[in-house]
């Protein structure tokens, strides 16, 4: 397995509210662990929310007695959600903060993913497949047939999300399980990438560079060249390289 992660402030923001974590080594009962979070909230609240969520998730995974990846991720996200709600109740400056989260674990050729919000996970090979589903106002319109994919990319409300860690006590989490085949690569990213770079261009960049570091850096550079209107976070995973 070979991986590379990068986070960038972008061209228009004065603070990076994204946060990511990668471990190719075991984290508790998980053989590896990858997380991207995109925070929201005034002042430093969004930056705190994303960092806190990732840190709590990792700590919870390290301590968890559960063994199935989905169970460990569910427990970790719920623990982070509870913590954010408590922090917001204690500090009025933190009220209304929240974060997206997308997390992944790879076990013997299978991908397990969890998602809240509109950060994404893709499988990339000769085609690009979005595994996760965005929890956003615009994506719900697309699913109901009220809006096309191209119109959705330009919709003024595309950044309004319908689920977030830290938003409500009874958090809803989506889980996914996919087989990983030869040549498949995994991409986790915040919407600072996907709002600036179309899926097919993402695929061409990933398949056109030599290693995970070049792929991730090229994705961030392209997002910034296209406007860089938000923070950009990218985790590229080549799960089957090195015989793993």
C-alpha atoms as a PDB file:
ATOM      1  CA  UNK A   1       0.000   0.000   0.000  1.00  0.00           C
ATOM      2  CA  UNK A   2       1.224   3.472  -0.901  1.00  0.00           C
ATOM      3  CA  UNK A   3      -0.505   6.659   0.203  1.00  0.00           C
ATOM      4  CA  UNK A   4      -0.058  10.412   0.185  1.00  0.00           C
ATOM      5  CA  UNK A   5      -2.117  13.200   1.746  1.00  0.00           C
ATOM      6  CA  UNK A   6      -2.071  16.965   1.322  1.00  0.00           C
ATOM      7  CA  UNK A   7      -4.195  19.875   2.528  1.00  0.00           C
ATOM      8  CA  UNK A   8      -4.059  23.383   1.087  1.00  0.00           C
ATOM      9  CA  UNK A   9      -5.701  26.666   2.072  1.00  0.00           C
ATOM     10  CA  UNK A  10      -6.689  27.426  -1.534  1.00  0.00           C
ATOM     11  CA  UNK A  11      -6.628  30.809  -3.237  1.00  0.00           C
ATOM     12  CA  UNK A  12      -9.497  32.646  -1.516  1.00  0.00           C
ATOM     13  CA  UNK A  13      -9.644  31.645   2.169  1.00  0.00           C
ATOM     14  CA  UNK A  14      -7.651  33.062   5.067  1.00  0.00           C
ATOM     15  CA  UNK A  15      -7.902  29.866   7.143  1.00  0.00           C
ATOM     16  CA  UNK A  16      -7.747  26.150   6.427  1.00  0.00           C
ATOM     17  CA  UNK A  17     -10.746  24.418   8.036  1.00  0.00           C
ATOM     18  CA  UNK A  18      -9.931  21.042   6.450  1.00  0.00           C
ATOM     19  CA  UNK A  19      -8.111  18.327   8.387  1.00  0.00           C
ATOM     20  CA  UNK A  20      -6.977  14.840   7.426  1.00  0.00           C
ATOM     21  CA  UNK A  21      -5.382  11.755   8.912  1.00  0.00           C
ATOM     22  CA  UNK A  22      -3.707   8.758   7.298  1.00  0.00           C
ATOM     23  CA  UNK A  23      -2.213   5.615   8.776  1.00  0.00           C
ATOM     24  CA  UNK A  24      -1.003   2.649   6.764  1.00  0.00           C
ATOM     25  CA  UNK A  25      -0.303   0.919  10.098  1.00  0.00           C
ATOM     26  CA  UNK A  26      -2.908  -0.585  12.450  1.00  0.00           C
ATOM     27  CA  UNK A  27      -5.072   1.744  14.530  1.00  0.00           C
ATOM     28  CA  UNK A  28      -6.572  -0.413  17.264  1.00  0.00           C
ATOM     29  CA  UNK A  29      -8.307  -3.296  15.500  1.00  0.00           C
ATOM     30  CA  UNK A  30      -8.233  -1.513  12.139  1.00  0.00           C
ATOM     31  CA  UNK A  31      -5.357  -2.479   9.807  1.00  0.00           C
ATOM     32  CA  UNK A  32      -5.213   1.113   8.479  1.00  0.00           C
ATOM     33  CA  UNK A  33      -7.292   4.276   8.713  1.00  0.00           C
ATOM     34  CA  UNK A  34      -7.894   7.304   6.482  1.00  0.00           C
ATOM     35  CA  UNK A  35     -10.025  10.378   7.269  1.00  0.00           C
ATOM     36  CA  UNK A  36     -10.865  13.714   5.619  1.00  0.00           C
ATOM     37  CA  UNK A  37     -12.911  16.353   7.448  1.00  0.00           C
ATOM     38  CA  UNK A  38     -14.113  19.751   6.206  1.00  0.00           C
ATOM     39  CA  UNK A  39     -15.123  22.047   9.051  1.00  0.00           C
ATOM     40  CA  UNK A  40     -17.670  24.833   9.133  1.00  0.00           C
ATOM     41  CA  UNK A  41     -18.357  27.616  11.614  1.00  0.00           C
ATOM     42  CA  UNK A  42     -17.351  31.195  12.340  1.00  0.00           C
ATOM     43  CA  UNK A  43     -13.984  32.371  13.681  1.00  0.00           C
ATOM     44  CA  UNK A  44     -11.943  29.272  14.568  1.00  0.00           C
ATOM     45  CA  UNK A  45     -14.930  26.978  15.093  1.00  0.00           C
ATOM     46  CA  UNK A  46     -14.721  25.163  11.754  1.00  0.00           C
ATOM     47  CA  UNK A  47     -11.004  24.608  12.094  1.00  0.00           C
ATOM     48  CA  UNK A  48     -11.548  23.254  15.608  1.00  0.00           C
ATOM     49  CA  UNK A  49     -14.458  21.023  14.546  1.00  0.00           C
ATOM     50  CA  UNK A  50     -12.561  19.203  11.811  1.00  0.00           C
ATOM     51  CA  UNK A  51      -9.373  18.727  13.842  1.00  0.00           C
ATOM     52  CA  UNK A  52     -11.247  17.672  16.992  1.00  0.00           C
ATOM     53  CA  UNK A  53     -13.414  15.192  15.066  1.00  0.00           C
ATOM     54  CA  UNK A  54     -10.423  13.500  13.460  1.00  0.00           C
ATOM     55  CA  UNK A  55      -8.480  13.342  16.727  1.00  0.00           C
ATOM     56  CA  UNK A  56     -11.432  11.862  18.642  1.00  0.00           C
ATOM     57  CA  UNK A  57     -12.107   9.343  15.880  1.00  0.00           C
ATOM     58  CA  UNK A  58      -8.518   8.110  15.972  1.00  0.00           C
ATOM     59  CA  UNK A  59      -8.493   7.864  19.774  1.00  0.00           C
ATOM     60  CA  UNK A  60     -11.796   6.003  19.794  1.00  0.00           C
ATOM     61  CA  UNK A  61     -10.617   3.593  17.091  1.00  0.00           C
ATOM     62  CA  UNK A  62      -7.457   2.895  19.072  1.00  0.00           C
ATOM     63  CA  UNK A  63      -9.519   2.018  22.158  1.00  0.00           C
ATOM     64  CA  UNK A  64     -12.415   0.200  20.474  1.00  0.00           C
ATOM     65  CA  UNK A  65     -13.076  -3.447  21.239  1.00  0.00           C
ATOM     66  CA  UNK A  66     -15.094  -3.812  18.033  1.00  0.00           C
ATOM     67  CA  UNK A  67     -13.549  -5.601  15.070  1.00  0.00           C
ATOM     68  CA  UNK A  68     -15.687  -4.869  11.998  1.00  0.00           C
ATOM     69  CA  UNK A  69     -14.483  -1.661  10.268  1.00  0.00           C
ATOM     70  CA  UNK A  70     -17.994  -0.221   9.918  1.00  0.00           C
ATOM     71  CA  UNK A  71     -18.674  -0.751  13.616  1.00  0.00           C
ATOM     72  CA  UNK A  72     -15.407   0.913  14.612  1.00  0.00           C
ATOM     73  CA  UNK A  73     -16.027   3.889  12.322  1.00  0.00           C
ATOM     74  CA  UNK A  74     -19.613   4.267  13.521  1.00  0.00           C
ATOM     75  CA  UNK A  75     -18.510   4.294  17.150  1.00  0.00           C
ATOM     76  CA  UNK A  76     -15.742   6.793  16.373  1.00  0.00           C
ATOM     77  CA  UNK A  77     -17.972   9.236  14.474  1.00  0.00           C
ATOM     78  CA  UNK A  78     -20.684   9.098  17.129  1.00  0.00           C
ATOM     79  CA  UNK A  79     -18.101   9.785  19.845  1.00  0.00           C
ATOM     80  CA  UNK A  80     -16.804  12.802  17.926  1.00  0.00           C
ATOM     81  CA  UNK A  81     -20.362  14.026  17.368  1.00  0.00           C
ATOM     82  CA  UNK A  82     -21.120  13.866  21.092  1.00  0.00           C
ATOM     83  CA  UNK A  83     -17.906  15.729  21.863  1.00  0.00           C
ATOM     84  CA  UNK A  84     -18.606  18.541  19.411  1.00  0.00           C
ATOM     85  CA  UNK A  85     -22.100  19.046  20.804  1.00  0.00           C
ATOM     86  CA  UNK A  86     -20.679  19.300  24.326  1.00  0.00           C
ATOM     87  CA  UNK A  87     -17.990  21.764  23.247  1.00  0.00           C
ATOM     88  CA  UNK A  88     -20.591  23.954  21.511  1.00  0.00           C
ATOM     89  CA  UNK A  89     -22.798  23.921  24.618  1.00  0.00           C
ATOM     90  CA  UNK A  90     -19.873  25.043  26.758  1.00  0.00           C
ATOM     91  CA  UNK A  91     -18.640  27.845  24.497  1.00  0.00           C
ATOM     92  CA  UNK A  92     -21.048  30.236  22.677  1.00  0.00           C
ATOM     93  CA  UNK A  93     -18.304  31.033  20.142  1.00  0.00           C
ATOM     94  CA  UNK A  94     -18.444  27.412  19.025  1.00  0.00           C
ATOM     95  CA  UNK A  95     -22.233  27.264  18.595  1.00  0.00           C
ATOM     96  CA  UNK A  96     -23.270  26.052  15.155  1.00  0.00           C
ATOM     97  CA  UNK A  97     -19.929  24.498  14.303  1.00  0.00           C
ATOM     98  CA  UNK A  98     -19.761  21.185  12.494  1.00  0.00           C
ATOM     99  CA  UNK A  99     -17.762  19.194  10.005  1.00  0.00           C
ATOM    100  CA  UNK A 100     -18.114  16.732   7.195  1.00  0.00           C
ATOM    101  CA  UNK A 101     -16.233  13.468   7.519  1.00  0.00           C
ATOM    102  CA  UNK A 102     -15.343  10.707   5.112  1.00  0.00           C
ATOM    103  CA  UNK A 103     -13.362   7.753   6.437  1.00  0.00           C
ATOM    104  CA  UNK A 104     -11.988   4.563   4.937  1.00  0.00           C
ATOM    105  CA  UNK A 105     -10.415   1.261   5.932  1.00  0.00           C
ATOM    106  CA  UNK A 106      -8.992  -1.312   3.504  1.00  0.00           C
ATOM    107  CA  UNK A 107      -9.019  -4.980   4.522  1.00  0.00           C
ATOM    108  CA  UNK A 108      -7.792  -7.759   2.224  1.00  0.00           C
ATOM    109  CA  UNK A 109      -9.031  -6.269  -1.022  1.00  0.00           C
ATOM    110  CA  UNK A 110     -12.198  -4.743   0.398  1.00  0.00           C
ATOM    111  CA  UNK A 111     -12.890  -1.080   1.010  1.00  0.00           C
ATOM    112  CA  UNK A 112     -15.050   0.026   3.938  1.00  0.00           C
ATOM    113  CA  UNK A 113     -16.146   3.663   4.029  1.00  0.00           C
ATOM    114  CA  UNK A 114     -18.248   5.953   6.205  1.00  0.00           C
ATOM    115  CA  UNK A 115     -19.588   9.354   5.227  1.00  0.00           C
ATOM    116  CA  UNK A 116     -21.380  12.369   6.717  1.00  0.00           C
ATOM    117  CA  UNK A 117     -21.668  15.513   4.561  1.00  0.00           C
ATOM    118  CA  UNK A 118     -20.256  16.205   1.113  1.00  0.00           C
ATOM    119  CA  UNK A 119     -16.619  15.186   1.334  1.00  0.00           C
ATOM    120  CA  UNK A 120     -16.173  12.280  -1.043  1.00  0.00           C
ATOM    121  CA  UNK A 121     -14.542   8.933  -1.649  1.00  0.00           C
ATOM    122  CA  UNK A 122     -13.864   7.685  -5.179  1.00  0.00           C
ATOM    123  CA  UNK A 123     -12.512   4.493  -6.727  1.00  0.00           C
ATOM    124  CA  UNK A 124     -10.446   5.405  -9.789  1.00  0.00           C
ATOM    125  CA  UNK A 125      -9.286   3.140 -12.605  1.00  0.00           C
ATOM    126  CA  UNK A 126     -10.260   3.291 -16.272  1.00  0.00           C
ATOM    127  CA  UNK A 127     -13.411   4.931 -14.949  1.00  0.00           C
ATOM    128  CA  UNK A 128     -14.074   7.044 -11.872  1.00  0.00           C
ATOM    129  CA  UNK A 129     -16.756   5.895  -9.436  1.00  0.00           C
ATOM    130  CA  UNK A 130     -18.049   8.041  -6.576  1.00  0.00           C
ATOM    131  CA  UNK A 131     -18.650   5.579  -3.738  1.00  0.00           C
ATOM    132  CA  UNK A 132     -20.103   8.036  -1.227  1.00  0.00           C
ATOM    133  CA  UNK A 133     -23.255  10.086  -1.692  1.00  0.00           C
ATOM    134  CA  UNK A 134     -23.245  13.789  -0.893  1.00  0.00           C
ATOM    135  CA  UNK A 135     -25.522  14.881   1.914  1.00  0.00           C
ATOM    136  CA  UNK A 136     -26.358  18.246   0.401  1.00  0.00           C
ATOM    137  CA  UNK A 137     -29.408  20.259  -0.600  1.00  0.00           C
ATOM    138  CA  UNK A 138     -28.404  20.248  -4.260  1.00  0.00           C
ATOM    139  CA  UNK A 139     -27.622  16.516  -4.354  1.00  0.00           C
ATOM    140  CA  UNK A 140     -31.075  15.784  -2.938  1.00  0.00           C
ATOM    141  CA  UNK A 141     -32.549  17.802  -5.819  1.00  0.00           C
ATOM    142  CA  UNK A 142     -30.483  15.722  -8.254  1.00  0.00           C
ATOM    143  CA  UNK A 143     -31.671  12.450  -6.697  1.00  0.00           C
ATOM    144  CA  UNK A 144     -35.298  13.619  -6.964  1.00  0.00           C
ATOM    145  CA  UNK A 145     -34.788  14.446 -10.637  1.00  0.00           C
ATOM    146  CA  UNK A 146     -35.289  18.176 -10.106  1.00  0.00           C
ATOM    147  CA  UNK A 147     -31.780  19.135 -11.200  1.00  0.00           C
ATOM    148  CA  UNK A 148     -29.201  17.765 -13.632  1.00  0.00           C
ATOM    149  CA  UNK A 149     -25.587  17.009 -12.710  1.00  0.00           C
ATOM    150  CA  UNK A 150     -24.168  19.902 -14.736  1.00  0.00           C
ATOM    151  CA  UNK A 151     -26.667  22.379 -13.318  1.00  0.00           C
ATOM    152  CA  UNK A 152     -25.850  21.099  -9.838  1.00  0.00           C
ATOM    153  CA  UNK A 153     -22.190  22.038 -10.269  1.00  0.00           C
ATOM    154  CA  UNK A 154     -23.186  25.672 -10.890  1.00  0.00           C
ATOM    155  CA  UNK A 155     -26.057  25.910  -8.387  1.00  0.00           C
ATOM    156  CA  UNK A 156     -25.625  28.778  -5.885  1.00  0.00           C
ATOM    157  CA  UNK A 157     -26.712  26.540  -2.982  1.00  0.00           C
ATOM    158  CA  UNK A 158     -24.374  23.630  -3.729  1.00  0.00           C
ATOM    159  CA  UNK A 159     -22.422  24.179  -0.504  1.00  0.00           C
ATOM    160  CA  UNK A 160     -25.455  23.746   1.773  1.00  0.00           C
ATOM    161  CA  UNK A 161     -25.095  20.361   3.436  1.00  0.00           C
ATOM    162  CA  UNK A 162     -27.908  18.398   5.057  1.00  0.00           C
ATOM    163  CA  UNK A 163     -25.813  16.323   7.464  1.00  0.00           C
ATOM    164  CA  UNK A 164     -22.760  17.210   9.554  1.00  0.00           C
ATOM    165  CA  UNK A 165     -20.878  15.901  12.552  1.00  0.00           C
ATOM    166  CA  UNK A 166     -21.807  18.193  15.452  1.00  0.00           C
ATOM    167  CA  UNK A 167     -25.165  19.272  14.027  1.00  0.00           C
ATOM    168  CA  UNK A 168     -27.637  16.968  15.782  1.00  0.00           C
ATOM    169  CA  UNK A 169     -27.457  14.386  18.552  1.00  0.00           C
ATOM    170  CA  UNK A 170     -28.990  11.581  16.475  1.00  0.00           C
ATOM    171  CA  UNK A 171     -26.391  11.616  13.702  1.00  0.00           C
ATOM    172  CA  UNK A 172     -27.026   9.642  10.515  1.00  0.00           C
ATOM    173  CA  UNK A 173     -24.002   7.974   8.925  1.00  0.00           C
ATOM    174  CA  UNK A 174     -23.811   6.249   5.545  1.00  0.00           C
ATOM    175  CA  UNK A 175     -21.641   3.137   5.191  1.00  0.00           C
ATOM    176  CA  UNK A 176     -20.288   1.525   2.036  1.00  0.00           C
ATOM    177  CA  UNK A 177     -18.416  -1.652   1.134  1.00  0.00           C
ATOM    178  CA  UNK A 178     -16.680  -2.234  -2.204  1.00  0.00           C
ATOM    179  CA  UNK A 179     -14.231  -4.742  -3.673  1.00  0.00           C
ATOM    180  CA  UNK A 180     -10.845  -3.385  -4.718  1.00  0.00           C
ATOM    181  CA  UNK A 181      -9.340  -4.753  -7.912  1.00  0.00           C
ATOM    182  CA  UNK A 182      -6.017  -4.527  -9.718  1.00  0.00           C
ATOM    183  CA  UNK A 183      -5.260  -0.939 -10.758  1.00  0.00           C
ATOM    184  CA  UNK A 184      -7.919   0.582  -8.510  1.00  0.00           C
ATOM    185  CA  UNK A 185      -6.878   3.665  -6.585  1.00  0.00           C
ATOM    186  CA  UNK A 186      -8.784   5.342  -3.769  1.00  0.00           C
ATOM    187  CA  UNK A 187      -9.330   9.076  -3.426  1.00  0.00           C
ATOM    188  CA  UNK A 188     -10.720  10.836  -0.358  1.00  0.00           C
ATOM    189  CA  UNK A 189     -11.229  14.578  -0.740  1.00  0.00           C
ATOM    190  CA  UNK A 190     -13.035  17.672   0.450  1.00  0.00           C
ATOM    191  CA  UNK A 191     -15.345  19.648  -1.838  1.00  0.00           C
ATOM    192  CA  UNK A 192     -12.577  22.177  -2.392  1.00  0.00           C
ATOM    193  CA  UNK A 193     -11.322  19.691  -4.970  1.00  0.00           C
ATOM    194  CA  UNK A 194     -14.575  18.463  -6.483  1.00  0.00           C
ATOM    195  CA  UNK A 195     -16.074  21.945  -6.892  1.00  0.00           C
ATOM    196  CA  UNK A 196     -13.003  23.022  -8.868  1.00  0.00           C
ATOM    197  CA  UNK A 197     -12.093  19.879 -10.825  1.00  0.00           C
ATOM    198  CA  UNK A 198     -14.576  17.690 -12.693  1.00  0.00           C
ATOM    199  CA  UNK A 199     -14.587  13.951 -12.102  1.00  0.00           C
ATOM    200  CA  UNK A 200     -13.130  12.976 -15.470  1.00  0.00           C
ATOM    201  CA  UNK A 201     -10.249  15.418 -15.044  1.00  0.00           C
ATOM    202  CA  UNK A 202      -9.626  13.954 -11.583  1.00  0.00           C
ATOM    203  CA  UNK A 203      -9.432  10.514 -13.186  1.00  0.00           C
ATOM    204  CA  UNK A 204      -6.994  11.675 -15.882  1.00  0.00           C
ATOM    205  CA  UNK A 205      -4.733  13.304 -13.306  1.00  0.00           C
ATOM    206  CA  UNK A 206      -4.663  10.243 -11.054  1.00  0.00           C
ATOM    207  CA  UNK A 207      -3.966   7.825 -13.906  1.00  0.00           C
ATOM    208  CA  UNK A 208      -1.458  10.165 -15.543  1.00  0.00           C
ATOM    209  CA  UNK A 209       1.036  10.652 -12.717  1.00  0.00           C
ATOM    210  CA  UNK A 210       3.739   8.312 -11.483  1.00  0.00           C
ATOM    211  CA  UNK A 211       3.052   8.002  -7.761  1.00  0.00           C
ATOM    212  CA  UNK A 212       0.609   8.973  -5.031  1.00  0.00           C
ATOM    213  CA  UNK A 213       2.497  12.156  -4.117  1.00  0.00           C
ATOM    214  CA  UNK A 214       2.511  13.472  -7.691  1.00  0.00           C
ATOM    215  CA  UNK A 215      -1.168  12.623  -8.083  1.00  0.00           C
ATOM    216  CA  UNK A 216      -2.227  14.438  -4.907  1.00  0.00           C
ATOM    217  CA  UNK A 217      -0.056  17.484  -5.575  1.00  0.00           C
ATOM    218  CA  UNK A 218      -1.286  17.752  -9.158  1.00  0.00           C
ATOM    219  CA  UNK A 219      -4.918  17.572  -8.012  1.00  0.00           C
ATOM    220  CA  UNK A 220      -4.390  20.428  -5.553  1.00  0.00           C
ATOM    221  CA  UNK A 221      -2.497  22.494  -8.100  1.00  0.00           C
ATOM    222  CA  UNK A 222      -5.269  22.037 -10.672  1.00  0.00           C
ATOM    223  CA  UNK A 223      -7.969  23.027  -8.164  1.00  0.00           C
ATOM    224  CA  UNK A 224      -6.030  26.207  -7.389  1.00  0.00           C
ATOM    225  CA  UNK A 225      -5.469  26.951 -11.074  1.00  0.00           C
ATOM    226  CA  UNK A 226      -9.232  26.632 -11.595  1.00  0.00           C
ATOM    227  CA  UNK A 227      -9.949  29.212  -8.897  1.00  0.00           C
ATOM    228  CA  UNK A 228      -9.180  27.546  -5.561  1.00  0.00           C
ATOM    229  CA  UNK A 229     -12.294  28.990  -3.953  1.00  0.00           C
ATOM    230  CA  UNK A 230     -12.111  26.728  -0.893  1.00  0.00           C
ATOM    231  CA  UNK A 231      -9.660  24.693   1.160  1.00  0.00           C
ATOM    232  CA  UNK A 232      -8.507  21.571  -0.679  1.00  0.00           C
ATOM    233  CA  UNK A 233      -7.689  18.244   0.938  1.00  0.00           C
ATOM    234  CA  UNK A 234      -6.709  15.096  -0.918  1.00  0.00           C
ATOM    235  CA  UNK A 235      -5.761  11.582   0.211  1.00  0.00           C
ATOM    236  CA  UNK A 236      -4.599   9.222  -2.558  1.00  0.00           C
ATOM    237  CA  UNK A 237      -4.289   5.504  -1.775  1.00  0.00           C
ATOM    238  CA  UNK A 238      -2.797   2.827  -4.021  1.00  0.00           C
ATOM    239  CA  UNK A 239      -4.039  -0.126  -1.963  1.00  0.00           C
ATOM    240  CA  UNK A 240      -2.468  -3.063  -3.771  1.00  0.00           C
ATOM    241  CA  UNK A 241       1.022  -1.705  -4.436  1.00  0.00           C
ATOM    242  CA  UNK A 242       3.965  -3.266  -2.665  1.00  0.00           C
ATOM    243  CA  UNK A 243       2.161  -6.595  -2.429  1.00  0.00           C
ATOM    244  CA  UNK A 244      -0.164  -5.401   0.376  1.00  0.00           C
END
